[in-house]
N, C-alpha and C. Protein backbone atom coordinates (compact mmCIF):
# COMPACT_ATOMS: atom_id res chain seq x y z
N ALA A 1 0.99 -1.14 0.38
CA ALA A 1 -0.10 -0.13 -0.50
C ALA A 1 0.77 1.34 0.15
N GLU A 2 2.01 1.54 0.56
CA GLU A 2 3.42 2.51 0.80
C GLU A 2 3.27 2.89 -0.24
N ALA A 3 4.16 1.16 -1.23
CA ALA A 3 4.47 1.80 -2.19
C ALA A 3 3.34 2.68 -3.54
N GLY A 4 2.31 1.84 -3.56
CA GLY A 4 1.54 2.42 -4.41
C GLY A 4 0.96 3.63 -3.76
N LEU A 5 1.63 4.79 -2.68
CA LEU A 5 1.36 5.63 -2.66
C LEU A 5 1.62 6.43 -3.19
N GLY A 6 2.75 6.15 -3.66
CA GLY A 6 4.28 6.65 -3.31
C GLY A 6 4.59 7.05 -4.82
N GLY A 7 3.44 5.92 -6.09
CA GLY A 7 3.68 6.58 -7.09
C GLY A 7 2.55 7.43 -7.38
N LEU A 8 1.80 7.72 -6.29
CA LEU A 8 0.95 8.87 -6.24
C LEU A 8 0.96 10.24 -6.25
N LEU A 9 2.22 10.10 -5.87
CA LEU A 9 2.37 11.57 -5.03
C LEU A 9 3.03 12.12 -5.40
N GLY A 10 3.88 11.62 -6.57
CA GLY A 10 4.69 12.63 -7.59
C GLY A 10 3.98 14.08 -8.81
N GLY A 11 2.82 13.53 -8.94
CA GLY A 11 2.39 15.04 -8.95
C GLY A 11 1.40 15.28 -8.86
N LEU A 12 1.95 15.10 -7.30
CA LEU A 12 0.53 16.40 -5.87
C LEU A 12 1.41 16.62 -4.89
N ASP A 13 2.78 17.14 -5.01
CA ASP A 13 3.17 17.60 -4.05
C ASP A 13 2.47 19.20 -3.86
N GLY A 14 2.18 19.71 -4.65
CA GLY A 14 2.17 20.99 -4.66
C GLY A 14 3.63 21.90 -4.51
N ASP A 15 4.43 21.07 -5.53
CA ASP A 15 6.09 22.12 -5.90
C ASP A 15 6.07 21.45 -8.11
N ASP A 16 6.22 22.98 -8.50
CA ASP A 16 6.38 22.45 -9.83
C ASP A 16 7.34 22.59 -10.16
N ASP A 17 7.90 21.29 -10.79
CA ASP A 17 8.95 21.11 -10.89
C ASP A 17 9.96 20.85 -12.38
N GLY A 18 8.97 21.54 -13.41
CA GLY A 18 9.06 22.00 -14.66
C GLY A 18 9.31 23.41 -14.82
N ASP A 19 9.07 23.33 -16.09
CA ASP A 19 8.71 24.26 -16.64
C ASP A 19 8.70 25.85 -16.16
N ASP A 20 8.47 26.75 -15.84
CA ASP A 20 7.78 27.80 -15.54
C ASP A 20 6.72 28.12 -16.23
N GLU A 21 7.65 28.41 -17.95
CA GLU A 21 7.07 29.09 -18.50
C GLU A 21 5.89 28.57 -18.61
N GLU A 22 5.72 26.90 -18.92
CA GLU A 22 4.67 26.14 -19.56
C GLU A 22 3.26 26.20 -18.26
N GLU A 23 2.16 26.75 -19.18
CA GLU A 23 0.40 26.55 -18.40
C GLU A 23 0.44 25.40 -17.09
N CYS A 24 0.22 25.64 -15.78
CA CYS A 24 0.20 24.35 -15.43
C CYS A 24 -2.14 24.17 -15.21
N TRP A 25 -2.10 22.91 -15.63
CA TRP A 25 -3.38 22.23 -16.13
C TRP A 25 -3.82 21.78 -14.21
N CYS A 26 -4.76 22.17 -13.73
CA CYS A 26 -4.44 21.53 -12.08
C CYS A 26 -6.44 20.62 -11.85
N SER A 27 -6.11 19.74 -12.12
CA SER A 27 -7.70 19.02 -12.33
C SER A 27 -8.58 19.02 -10.93
N PRO A 28 -9.98 19.20 -11.58
CA PRO A 28 -11.00 19.58 -10.73
C PRO A 28 -11.34 18.26 -9.72
N VAL A 29 -10.73 17.16 -9.52
CA VAL A 29 -10.24 16.90 -8.05
C VAL A 29 -9.23 17.01 -8.22
N GLU A 30 -8.31 17.44 -7.92
CA GLU A 30 -6.51 17.07 -7.45
C GLU A 30 -7.42 17.20 -5.68
N MET A 31 -7.90 18.24 -5.66
CA MET A 31 -8.11 18.27 -4.27
C MET A 31 -8.71 17.04 -2.90
N ALA A 32 -9.50 16.43 -3.59
CA ALA A 32 -10.71 15.54 -3.38
C ALA A 32 -8.88 14.39 -3.23
N MET A 33 -8.41 14.01 -4.11
CA MET A 33 -7.08 13.01 -4.23
C MET A 33 -6.28 13.30 -3.01
N HIS A 34 -5.54 14.65 -2.86
CA HIS A 34 -5.30 14.93 -1.74
C HIS A 34 -5.61 15.15 -0.37
N ARG A 35 -6.93 14.73 -0.50
CA ARG A 35 -7.54 14.39 0.59
C ARG A 35 -7.50 12.31 1.08
N TYR A 36 -7.63 11.95 -0.12
CA TYR A 36 -7.58 10.68 -0.18
C TYR A 36 -5.93 9.84 0.41
N ILE A 37 -4.70 10.84 -0.59
CA ILE A 37 -3.80 10.36 0.06
C ILE A 37 -3.52 11.02 1.52
N ILE A 38 -3.73 11.58 1.87
CA ILE A 38 -3.95 11.66 3.15
C ILE A 38 -3.72 10.87 4.29
N LEU A 39 -5.34 10.54 4.20
CA LEU A 39 -5.92 9.31 4.58
C LEU A 39 -5.63 8.63 4.80
N LEU A 40 -5.42 7.48 3.52
CA LEU A 40 -4.52 6.98 3.06
C LEU A 40 -3.70 6.74 4.22
N LEU A 41 -2.23 8.02 3.85
CA LEU A 41 -1.01 7.53 4.53
C LEU A 41 -1.18 7.40 6.00
N MET A 42 -2.01 8.27 6.61
CA MET A 42 -2.48 8.40 7.81
C MET A 42 -2.43 6.89 8.36
N CYS A 43 -3.15 6.10 8.04
CA CYS A 43 -3.68 3.93 8.13
C CYS A 43 -2.21 4.28 8.13
N PHE A 44 -1.16 3.93 6.96
CA PHE A 44 -0.39 2.49 6.98
C PHE A 44 0.98 3.37 6.60
N SER A 45 1.12 4.74 6.52
CA SER A 45 2.68 5.42 6.78
C SER A 45 2.53 6.64 7.60
N SER A 46 2.56 6.79 8.57
CA SER A 46 2.65 7.78 9.47
C SER A 46 4.06 8.83 9.17
N GLU A 47 4.98 7.99 8.85
CA GLU A 47 6.19 8.93 8.04
C GLU A 47 5.86 9.50 6.95
N GLY A 48 5.15 9.18 6.31
CA GLY A 48 5.15 9.18 4.81
C GLY A 48 4.53 10.08 4.99
N LEU A 49 3.31 9.86 5.69
CA LEU A 49 2.34 11.78 5.62
C LEU A 49 2.61 12.81 5.57
N LEU A 50 3.95 12.66 7.16
CA LEU A 50 4.26 14.30 7.24
C LEU A 50 5.27 14.57 6.17
N GLN A 51 5.74 13.66 6.20
CA GLN A 51 7.13 13.95 4.12
C GLN A 51 5.91 14.62 3.36
N HIS A 52 4.41 14.19 3.27
CA HIS A 52 3.66 14.61 1.83
C HIS A 52 3.49 15.74 2.73
N LEU A 53 2.93 16.60 4.19
CA LEU A 53 2.65 17.09 3.91
C LEU A 53 2.82 18.41 4.14
N ALA A 54 4.74 18.20 4.50
CA ALA A 54 5.79 18.83 4.81
C ALA A 54 5.86 19.54 2.91
N ARG A 55 5.62 18.27 1.96
CA ARG A 55 5.84 19.86 0.40
C ARG A 55 4.58 20.40 -0.12
N LEU A 56 3.23 20.53 0.92
CA LEU A 56 2.12 20.97 -0.17
C LEU A 56 2.39 22.68 0.56
N SER A 57 1.50 23.30 -0.53
CA SER A 57 1.43 24.76 -0.14
C SER A 57 0.34 24.86 1.15
N ARG A 58 0.79 26.28 1.30
CA ARG A 58 -0.64 26.34 2.25
C ARG A 58 -1.76 26.79 1.63
N GLU A 59 -1.69 26.99 0.40
CA GLU A 59 -2.70 27.07 -0.04
C GLU A 59 -3.90 26.11 -0.67
N ILE A 60 -3.13 24.99 -0.80
CA ILE A 60 -3.62 23.44 -0.89
C ILE A 60 -4.10 23.10 0.41
N LEU A 61 -3.26 23.09 1.90
CA LEU A 61 -3.66 22.81 3.00
C LEU A 61 -4.26 23.51 3.87
N SER A 62 -5.23 24.89 3.14
CA SER A 62 -6.19 25.98 3.95
C SER A 62 -7.37 24.86 2.76
N HIS A 63 -6.84 24.83 1.58
CA HIS A 63 -8.63 23.73 1.01
C HIS A 63 -8.79 23.62 1.70
N PRO A 64 -10.50 23.63 1.66
CA PRO A 64 -11.87 22.63 2.80
C PRO A 64 -11.99 20.85 2.67
N THR A 65 -11.28 20.69 1.36
CA THR A 65 -10.72 18.95 0.92
C THR A 65 -10.61 18.26 1.98
N VAL A 66 -9.23 19.64 1.69
CA VAL A 66 -7.34 18.32 2.54
C VAL A 66 -7.77 19.11 3.49
N SER A 67 -8.43 20.06 4.11
CA SER A 67 -8.01 20.43 5.83
C SER A 67 -9.05 19.25 6.14
N PHE A 68 -10.73 18.61 5.84
CA PHE A 68 -10.98 17.80 6.61
C PHE A 68 -10.45 17.04 6.96
N ALA A 69 -9.00 16.05 5.86
CA ALA A 69 -8.14 15.56 6.00
C ALA A 69 -7.07 15.45 7.26
N THR A 70 -6.68 16.67 6.71
CA THR A 70 -5.68 17.23 8.55
C THR A 70 -6.19 17.49 9.65
N GLN A 71 -7.05 17.80 9.53
CA GLN A 71 -8.68 17.67 10.99
C GLN A 71 -8.50 15.91 11.15
N VAL A 72 -8.84 15.55 10.50
CA VAL A 72 -9.46 13.76 10.82
C VAL A 72 -7.09 13.64 11.17
N PHE A 73 -6.55 13.28 11.12
CA PHE A 73 -5.04 12.97 11.09
C PHE A 73 -4.75 14.02 12.44
N ALA A 74 -5.35 14.88 12.55
CA ALA A 74 -5.26 15.58 14.30
C ALA A 74 -5.71 14.98 15.19
N ALA A 75 -6.48 14.47 15.07
CA ALA A 75 -7.91 13.85 15.77
C ALA A 75 -7.58 13.04 16.05
N PHE A 76 -6.53 12.02 15.27
CA PHE A 76 -6.06 10.59 15.55
C PHE A 76 -4.78 10.51 16.01
N ASN A 77 -3.93 10.92 15.75
CA ASN A 77 -2.55 11.58 15.73
C ASN A 77 -2.27 12.03 17.80
N THR A 78 -3.99 13.21 18.04
CA THR A 78 -3.67 13.81 19.30
C THR A 78 -4.49 12.95 20.34
N ASP A 79 -5.22 11.79 19.99
CA ASP A 79 -5.83 10.97 21.01
C ASP A 79 -6.86 11.03 21.12
N ASP A 80 -7.61 11.90 20.36
CA ASP A 80 -8.96 12.58 20.24
C ASP A 80 -9.91 11.82 19.96
N TYR A 81 -10.33 10.62 19.86
CA TYR A 81 -10.25 9.82 18.55
C TYR A 81 -12.05 9.80 18.97
N GLY A 82 -12.92 11.04 19.86
CA GLY A 82 -14.67 10.85 19.80
C GLY A 82 -14.53 11.94 18.45
N LYS A 83 -13.39 12.52 18.16
CA LYS A 83 -13.62 13.66 17.46
C LYS A 83 -13.57 12.63 16.25
N PHE A 84 -12.32 12.04 15.39
CA PHE A 84 -12.07 10.92 14.53
C PHE A 84 -13.16 10.21 13.97
N LEU A 85 -13.93 9.40 15.26
CA LEU A 85 -14.75 9.08 14.95
C LEU A 85 -15.72 9.45 14.70
N ARG A 86 -16.22 10.64 14.83
CA ARG A 86 -17.39 11.48 14.35
C ARG A 86 -17.55 12.17 13.44
N LEU A 87 -15.87 12.55 12.67
CA LEU A 87 -15.62 12.58 11.63
C LEU A 87 -15.71 11.44 10.53
N TYR A 88 -15.67 10.07 10.60
CA TYR A 88 -15.37 9.12 10.32
C TYR A 88 -16.89 8.98 9.73
N ARG A 89 -17.97 9.23 10.82
CA ARG A 89 -19.83 9.13 11.04
C ARG A 89 -19.99 10.39 10.02
N GLN A 90 -19.54 10.95 9.69
CA GLN A 90 -20.03 12.56 8.98
C GLN A 90 -19.09 12.27 7.13
N ALA A 91 -18.38 11.60 7.52
CA ALA A 91 -17.37 11.06 5.69
C ALA A 91 -18.25 10.70 4.81
N ASP A 92 -18.28 11.44 4.14
CA ASP A 92 -18.92 10.63 2.29
C ASP A 92 -18.44 8.48 2.57
N PHE A 93 -18.62 8.53 1.03
CA PHE A 93 -18.39 7.24 1.88
C PHE A 93 -16.53 6.68 0.84
N LEU A 94 -16.59 7.42 0.20
CA LEU A 94 -14.94 7.24 0.06
C LEU A 94 -13.88 7.69 0.77
N THR A 95 -14.59 8.98 1.20
CA THR A 95 -13.67 9.04 2.39
C THR A 95 -13.37 8.47 3.85
N ALA A 96 -14.69 7.78 4.05
CA ALA A 96 -14.61 7.04 5.16
C ALA A 96 -13.61 5.42 4.83
N VAL A 97 -14.22 5.60 3.58
CA VAL A 97 -13.23 4.31 3.02
C VAL A 97 -12.29 4.42 3.60
N ALA A 98 -11.04 5.86 3.75
CA ALA A 98 -9.91 5.63 2.72
C ALA A 98 -9.52 6.40 4.22
N MET A 99 -10.56 6.12 5.83
CA MET A 99 -10.12 6.47 6.77
C MET A 99 -10.61 4.95 7.51
N SER A 100 -10.71 3.88 6.39
CA SER A 100 -11.37 2.97 7.63
C SER A 100 -10.24 1.80 8.11
N GLY A 101 -9.01 2.34 7.62
CA GLY A 101 -8.04 1.28 8.01
C GLY A 101 -7.74 1.10 9.21
N VAL A 102 -7.66 2.33 10.43
CA VAL A 102 -7.81 2.54 11.67
C VAL A 102 -9.18 3.36 12.82
N ALA A 103 -10.00 3.04 11.60
CA ALA A 103 -11.63 2.52 12.54
C ALA A 103 -12.43 2.34 13.42
N ASP A 104 -11.57 0.72 13.55
CA ASP A 104 -11.44 -0.04 14.43
C ASP A 104 -10.52 -0.16 15.88
N LEU A 105 -9.20 0.45 15.21
CA LEU A 105 -8.41 1.04 16.45
C LEU A 105 -8.98 1.78 17.08
N ALA A 106 -9.71 3.19 16.51
CA ALA A 106 -9.44 4.74 16.90
C ALA A 106 -11.28 4.37 17.73
N ARG A 107 -11.88 2.94 17.28
CA ARG A 107 -13.30 2.58 18.43
C ARG A 107 -12.78 1.86 19.57
N LEU A 108 -11.90 1.35 19.28
CA LEU A 108 -11.03 0.50 20.78
C LEU A 108 -10.63 1.46 21.55
N ARG A 109 -9.50 1.99 20.86
CA ARG A 109 -8.98 3.53 22.24
C ARG A 109 -9.82 4.05 22.63
N ALA A 110 -11.68 4.73 21.68
CA ALA A 110 -12.20 5.08 22.51
C ALA A 110 -12.55 4.65 23.71
N LEU A 111 -13.25 3.12 23.43
CA LEU A 111 -13.81 2.63 24.57
C LEU A 111 -12.62 2.40 25.59
N TYR A 112 -12.01 1.86 25.31
CA TYR A 112 -10.62 1.77 26.48
C TYR A 112 -10.89 2.99 27.42
N LEU A 113 -10.69 4.11 26.65
CA LEU A 113 -11.13 5.45 27.52
C LEU A 113 -11.69 5.41 28.45
N LEU A 114 -12.45 5.02 27.72
CA LEU A 114 -14.08 5.86 28.57
C LEU A 114 -14.71 4.60 29.77
N LEU A 115 -13.74 3.20 29.48
CA LEU A 115 -14.27 2.49 30.82
C LEU A 115 -12.85 3.23 31.43
N ARG A 116 -11.74 3.35 31.24
CA ARG A 116 -11.01 4.07 32.65
C ARG A 116 -11.49 5.06 32.81
N THR A 117 -11.67 5.94 32.03
CA THR A 117 -12.85 7.18 32.95
C THR A 117 -13.54 6.96 34.01
N TYR A 118 -14.34 6.27 33.90
CA TYR A 118 -16.62 6.29 34.48
C TYR A 118 -16.04 5.50 36.21
N PRO A 119 -17.06 6.37 36.50
CA PRO A 119 -16.66 5.71 38.48
C PRO A 119 -16.68 4.31 39.07
N GLN A 120 -15.63 4.05 38.79
CA GLN A 120 -15.24 2.96 38.77
C GLN A 120 -15.99 2.10 40.05
N PRO A 121 -15.94 2.80 41.61
CA PRO A 121 -15.90 2.32 42.47
C PRO A 121 -17.82 1.79 42.13
N ILE A 122 -18.42 2.81 42.09
CA ILE A 122 -20.07 2.79 42.14
C ILE A 122 -20.52 2.31 40.53
N GLY A 123 -20.01 2.20 39.46
CA GLY A 123 -20.55 1.52 38.30
C GLY A 123 -21.08 2.56 37.47
N ASP A 124 -21.96 1.77 36.06
CA ASP A 124 -22.12 2.63 34.99
C ASP A 124 -23.01 1.65 34.31
N LYS A 125 -23.74 2.91 33.66
CA LYS A 125 -24.18 2.09 32.45
C LYS A 125 -24.72 2.91 31.09
N VAL A 126 -24.47 3.00 30.01
CA VAL A 126 -24.67 3.33 28.63
C VAL A 126 -25.69 2.99 27.63
N SER A 127 -26.99 3.12 27.55
CA SER A 127 -27.56 2.80 26.68
C SER A 127 -26.62 2.51 25.38
N LEU A 128 -27.64 1.04 24.66
CA LEU A 128 -26.49 0.79 24.19
C LEU A 128 -26.22 1.28 22.34
N GLY A 129 -27.86 2.32 22.88
CA GLY A 129 -27.94 3.50 21.01
C GLY A 129 -27.08 4.61 20.80
N ARG A 130 -26.62 5.01 22.23
CA ARG A 130 -25.49 5.96 22.26
C ARG A 130 -23.92 5.29 22.12
N ILE A 131 -23.69 3.89 22.99
CA ILE A 131 -22.56 3.46 21.87
C ILE A 131 -22.33 3.35 20.99
N LYS A 132 -23.08 2.50 20.38
CA LYS A 132 -23.09 2.46 19.00
C LYS A 132 -22.51 3.95 17.98
N GLU A 133 -23.50 4.66 18.83
CA GLU A 133 -23.76 6.57 17.65
C GLU A 133 -21.92 6.78 17.99
N PHE A 134 -21.75 6.65 19.70
CA PHE A 134 -20.06 7.09 19.67
C PHE A 134 -19.11 7.05 19.14
N LEU A 135 -19.09 5.09 18.69
CA LEU A 135 -18.27 3.97 17.96
C LEU A 135 -17.61 3.71 16.49
N SER A 136 -19.41 4.52 16.32
CA SER A 136 -19.56 5.20 14.58
C SER A 136 -19.55 3.62 13.86
N PHE A 137 -20.74 3.35 14.77
CA PHE A 137 -21.40 1.76 13.63
C PHE A 137 -22.66 1.60 13.30
N GLY A 138 -22.55 1.40 12.44
CA GLY A 138 -23.54 1.62 11.45
C GLY A 138 -24.74 0.52 11.88
N SER A 139 -24.58 -0.82 12.67
CA SER A 139 -25.56 -1.61 13.12
C SER A 139 -25.67 -2.04 14.35
N ASP A 140 -26.80 -2.35 15.29
CA ASP A 140 -26.81 -3.19 16.38
C ASP A 140 -25.53 -4.33 16.24
N ALA A 141 -25.94 -5.33 15.51
CA ALA A 141 -24.93 -6.52 15.47
C ALA A 141 -23.40 -6.36 15.21
N HIS A 142 -23.16 -5.03 14.63
CA HIS A 142 -21.78 -4.95 14.64
C HIS A 142 -21.69 -4.11 15.75
N VAL A 143 -22.01 -3.59 16.59
CA VAL A 143 -21.64 -2.44 17.95
C VAL A 143 -21.38 -4.51 19.11
N ARG A 144 -22.79 -4.98 18.87
CA ARG A 144 -22.54 -5.81 19.79
C ARG A 144 -21.49 -6.92 19.74
N ALA A 145 -20.69 -7.33 18.77
CA ALA A 145 -19.77 -8.20 18.06
C ALA A 145 -19.06 -8.02 19.05
N PHE A 146 -18.43 -6.47 18.33
CA PHE A 146 -17.69 -5.44 18.92
C PHE A 146 -16.89 -5.87 20.13
N LEU A 147 -18.37 -5.23 21.04
CA LEU A 147 -18.63 -5.20 22.45
C LEU A 147 -18.19 -6.59 23.10
N ALA A 148 -18.73 -7.51 22.62
CA ALA A 148 -18.02 -9.16 23.82
C ALA A 148 -16.98 -8.99 22.71
N HIS A 149 -16.66 -9.45 22.17
CA HIS A 149 -15.28 -9.38 21.51
C HIS A 149 -13.61 -8.38 22.35
N HIS A 150 -14.16 -8.26 23.06
CA HIS A 150 -13.33 -6.52 23.80
C HIS A 150 -13.93 -7.15 25.60
N LYS A 151 -15.04 -8.48 26.21
CA LYS A 151 -15.49 -9.01 26.84
C LYS A 151 -16.16 -7.60 28.08
N VAL A 152 -16.91 -6.88 26.86
CA VAL A 152 -17.85 -5.57 27.62
C VAL A 152 -19.37 -6.44 27.78
N ARG A 153 -19.66 -6.55 28.45
CA ARG A 153 -21.63 -7.01 28.55
C ARG A 153 -22.55 -6.27 28.06
N VAL A 154 -23.27 -6.44 27.50
CA VAL A 154 -24.38 -5.74 26.61
C VAL A 154 -25.71 -6.17 28.25
N GLN A 155 -26.45 -5.68 28.75
CA GLN A 155 -27.57 -6.08 29.69
C GLN A 155 -28.93 -5.45 28.66
N ASP A 156 -29.60 -6.02 28.21
CA ASP A 156 -31.28 -6.13 27.33
C ASP A 156 -31.56 -6.22 27.90
N ASP A 157 -31.96 -4.51 27.27
CA ASP A 157 -33.68 -4.42 27.75
C ASP A 157 -34.29 -3.55 27.00
N PRO A 158 -35.72 -3.05 25.91
CA PRO A 158 -35.62 -3.75 24.80
C PRO A 158 -36.71 -2.10 25.38
N ALA A 159 -37.18 -1.32 26.65
CA ALA A 159 -37.07 0.09 26.76
C ALA A 159 -36.35 1.04 26.97
N ALA A 160 -34.70 0.73 26.22
CA ALA A 160 -33.41 1.48 26.79
C ALA A 160 -33.18 1.51 24.89
N HIS A 161 -32.22 2.77 24.73
CA HIS A 161 -32.26 3.34 23.72
C HIS A 161 -31.20 1.90 22.86
N GLY A 162 -31.52 1.84 21.09
CA GLY A 162 -30.69 0.52 21.34
C GLY A 162 -31.59 -0.99 21.70
N GLY A 163 -32.17 -0.79 22.57
CA GLY A 163 -32.45 -2.90 23.18
C GLY A 163 -31.22 -2.57 24.05
N GLY A 164 -30.68 -2.17 24.78
CA GLY A 164 -30.31 -2.58 26.17
C GLY A 164 -29.20 -0.98 27.17
N PHE A 165 -28.33 -2.30 27.25
CA PHE A 165 -27.69 -0.86 28.15
C PHE A 165 -25.85 -1.70 28.49
N VAL A 166 -24.71 -0.98 28.19
CA VAL A 166 -23.84 -1.79 27.60
C VAL A 166 -23.27 -0.91 29.70
N VAL A 167 -23.36 -2.08 29.70
CA VAL A 167 -22.58 -1.92 31.95
C VAL A 167 -21.05 -1.99 31.97
N LEU A 168 -20.88 -0.84 32.51
CA LEU A 168 -19.61 -0.16 33.22
C LEU A 168 -19.56 -1.05 34.53
N PRO A 169 -19.07 -2.31 34.53
CA PRO A 169 -19.06 -3.03 35.95
C PRO A 169 -17.66 -2.10 36.90
N LYS A 170 -18.65 -2.37 38.86
CA LYS A 170 -18.08 -2.17 39.33
C LYS A 170 -16.76 -2.36 39.76
N LYS A 171 -15.72 -1.65 40.23
CA LYS A 171 -14.72 -2.60 40.36
C LYS A 171 -15.05 -3.20 40.77
N GLY A 172 -13.97 -4.73 41.23
CA GLY A 172 -13.95 -5.96 42.43
C GLY A 172 -14.66 -6.48 42.06
N THR A 173 -16.48 -6.73 40.80
CA THR A 173 -16.84 -7.52 40.65
C THR A 173 -16.85 -8.35 39.40
N PRO A 174 -16.73 -9.63 39.45
CA PRO A 174 -16.18 -10.91 38.06
C PRO A 174 -16.51 -9.81 37.14
N GLU A 175 -17.53 -9.08 36.52
CA GLU A 175 -17.33 -8.84 35.35
C GLU A 175 -16.16 -7.62 35.10
N ALA A 176 -16.27 -6.83 36.46
CA ALA A 176 -15.23 -6.27 35.98
C ALA A 176 -13.28 -6.96 35.92
N SER A 177 -13.60 -8.33 36.17
CA SER A 177 -11.87 -9.03 36.14
C SER A 177 -12.77 -9.80 34.84
N GLU A 178 -13.37 -9.89 33.83
CA GLU A 178 -13.35 -10.83 33.09
C GLU A 178 -12.83 -9.52 31.90
N CYS A 179 -13.42 -8.55 32.15
CA CYS A 179 -13.71 -7.60 30.89
C CYS A 179 -11.64 -6.77 30.37
N THR A 180 -11.00 -7.79 29.38
CA THR A 180 -9.61 -7.57 29.81
C THR A 180 -9.32 -5.97 29.25
N LEU A 181 -10.66 -4.49 28.82
CA LEU A 181 -9.72 -3.29 29.30
C LEU A 181 -9.48 -2.78 30.16
N LEU A 182 -10.71 -3.33 31.22
CA LEU A 182 -9.96 -3.30 32.84
C LEU A 182 -9.04 -3.81 33.45
N SER A 183 -9.88 -5.14 33.88
CA SER A 183 -7.77 -5.92 34.23
C SER A 183 -6.52 -6.03 33.57
N GLY A 184 -6.20 -5.42 32.03
CA GLY A 184 -5.01 -5.84 31.40
C GLY A 184 -4.32 -4.65 32.01
N PRO A 185 -2.97 -4.20 32.11
CA PRO A 185 -2.45 -3.22 32.02
C PRO A 185 -2.95 -1.87 31.82
N ALA A 186 -2.37 -0.58 32.07
CA ALA A 186 -2.51 0.42 31.50
C ALA A 186 -2.67 1.81 30.60
N LYS A 187 -2.39 0.65 29.49
CA LYS A 187 -1.72 1.51 28.56
C LYS A 187 -2.39 1.39 27.57
N MET A 188 -2.90 2.36 26.56
CA MET A 188 -3.48 2.37 25.79
C MET A 188 -3.07 1.59 24.65
N PRO A 189 -4.34 0.66 23.91
CA PRO A 189 -4.73 -0.27 23.11
C PRO A 189 -3.48 -0.26 21.80
N GLU A 190 -2.39 -1.10 21.10
CA GLU A 190 -1.94 -0.63 19.98
C GLU A 190 -1.81 -1.03 18.97
N LYS A 191 -2.60 -2.60 19.07
CA LYS A 191 -3.39 -2.78 17.89
C LYS A 191 -4.78 -3.41 18.21
N CYS A 192 -6.11 -3.11 17.02
CA CYS A 192 -7.15 -4.30 17.17
C CYS A 192 -7.10 -5.06 16.70
N ASP A 193 -7.53 -6.55 17.61
CA ASP A 193 -7.64 -7.58 16.81
C ASP A 193 -9.20 -8.48 16.66
N PHE A 194 -10.13 -7.23 16.80
CA PHE A 194 -11.25 -7.63 16.42
C PHE A 194 -11.06 -8.46 15.42
N PRO A 195 -11.56 -9.53 14.40
CA PRO A 195 -11.54 -10.19 12.92
C PRO A 195 -12.66 -8.86 12.40
N GLN A 196 -11.66 -8.41 11.01
CA GLN A 196 -11.66 -7.99 9.86
C GLN A 196 -13.31 -8.48 9.47
N GLY A 197 -13.63 -7.24 8.40
CA GLY A 197 -14.90 -7.89 7.88
C GLY A 197 -15.83 -6.85 7.23
N PRO A 198 -16.86 -6.14 6.35
CA PRO A 198 -17.47 -5.09 6.29
C PRO A 198 -18.26 -4.88 7.06
N ASP A 199 -17.34 -3.04 7.70
CA ASP A 199 -17.60 -2.14 8.29
C ASP A 199 -18.91 -2.31 8.20
N SER A 200 -19.68 -1.62 9.09
CA SER A 200 -21.32 -1.33 9.41
C SER A 200 -21.42 0.11 8.68
N MET A 201 -20.71 0.63 9.02
CA MET A 201 -20.66 2.40 9.24
C MET A 201 -20.72 2.01 7.16
N LEU A 202 -19.81 1.50 6.80
CA LEU A 202 -19.13 1.72 5.48
C LEU A 202 -20.74 0.58 4.72
N VAL A 203 -21.08 0.07 4.71
CA VAL A 203 -22.11 -0.35 4.42
C VAL A 203 -23.30 0.45 3.95
N ALA A 204 -23.77 0.98 5.26
CA ALA A 204 -24.79 2.02 5.87
C ALA A 204 -24.52 3.35 4.77
N LYS A 205 -23.07 3.31 4.60
CA LYS A 205 -23.22 5.37 3.63
C LYS A 205 -23.03 4.33 1.91
N PHE A 206 -22.81 2.83 1.94
CA PHE A 206 -22.85 2.77 0.15
C PHE A 206 -24.26 2.25 -0.12
N GLU A 207 -24.93 1.95 1.35
CA GLU A 207 -26.58 1.21 0.67
C GLU A 207 -26.73 2.98 0.30
N ALA A 208 -26.27 4.02 0.92
CA ALA A 208 -27.43 5.50 0.65
C ALA A 208 -27.07 5.88 -0.39
N LEU A 209 -25.83 5.69 -0.99
CA LEU A 209 -25.44 6.09 -1.96
C LEU A 209 -26.88 6.44 -3.14
N GLY A 210 -27.33 4.20 -3.56
CA GLY A 210 -28.43 3.77 -4.10
C GLY A 210 -27.30 3.55 -5.25
N LEU A 211 -25.78 3.30 -5.23
CA LEU A 211 -24.40 2.90 -6.58
C LEU A 211 -24.52 0.95 -6.46
N ASN A 212 -23.75 1.29 -8.03
CA ASN A 212 -23.25 -0.15 -7.05
C ASN A 212 -21.09 -0.10 -7.39
N ARG A 213 -20.45 -1.14 -7.32
CA ARG A 213 -19.43 -0.97 -7.51
C ARG A 213 -18.43 0.14 -8.87
N LEU A 214 -19.64 -0.61 -9.61
CA LEU A 214 -18.87 -0.03 -10.95
C LEU A 214 -19.50 1.59 -11.26
N ASP A 215 -21.12 2.18 -10.77
CA ASP A 215 -20.89 3.42 -10.66
C ASP A 215 -19.35 4.18 -10.89
N ILE A 216 -19.07 3.02 -9.24
CA ILE A 216 -18.25 4.74 -7.62
C ILE A 216 -16.65 4.43 -8.51
N VAL A 217 -16.23 3.15 -9.39
CA VAL A 217 -15.00 3.39 -10.45
C VAL A 217 -15.14 3.62 -10.89
N PHE A 218 -15.87 3.95 -12.01
CA PHE A 218 -15.71 4.93 -13.42
C PHE A 218 -16.68 5.88 -13.26
N GLY A 219 -17.35 5.92 -12.09
CA GLY A 219 -18.46 7.41 -12.33
C GLY A 219 -19.46 7.40 -13.40
N ALA A 220 -20.23 7.80 -11.83
CA ALA A 220 -21.54 7.29 -12.06
C ALA A 220 -22.21 8.83 -13.26
């Protein structure tokens, strides 16, 4: 992935190494390409991203399309996973695809921070619907599977938003001991081992488009 991205960067650096007298043609989708490249580098080559950003002009970086990508990177890089996931939820389909490489890790880290900051001596609970929105999942089944994988218990309640509550266990209880994010080391997770599969948020965005894959690849 990193090598493939490298091949795209040559003409998108914001610097013109050619003849100054030649007229420079700018594609109408250039800023969108900058956005996708920044987001893909964020997922697969953070060092390459910093080098790429250093080569971009102020005019390019201040463009709203590109600025969105730098905001995403800043949110992820400063541990503001709530903002990252909110931007993921708000993004268009292709932008979300470019962000999706670190979406599960952002979800896990946001969940970790939640579990490390609630009042553990008394415990707490949050509606499943609120957690689903907070972690930017597109389906109940997906958020339930993610929570179950990380040993976070869901208490079913048809009257609750989302059909249940996420239990934030009281310190010293069996539930607290079973939850690996609570009982494990007090260190931000470096990777997410949740099984890879279709991301429900991407599926929802794709279905909302009303297009097929050929429409997206070749333009509808």
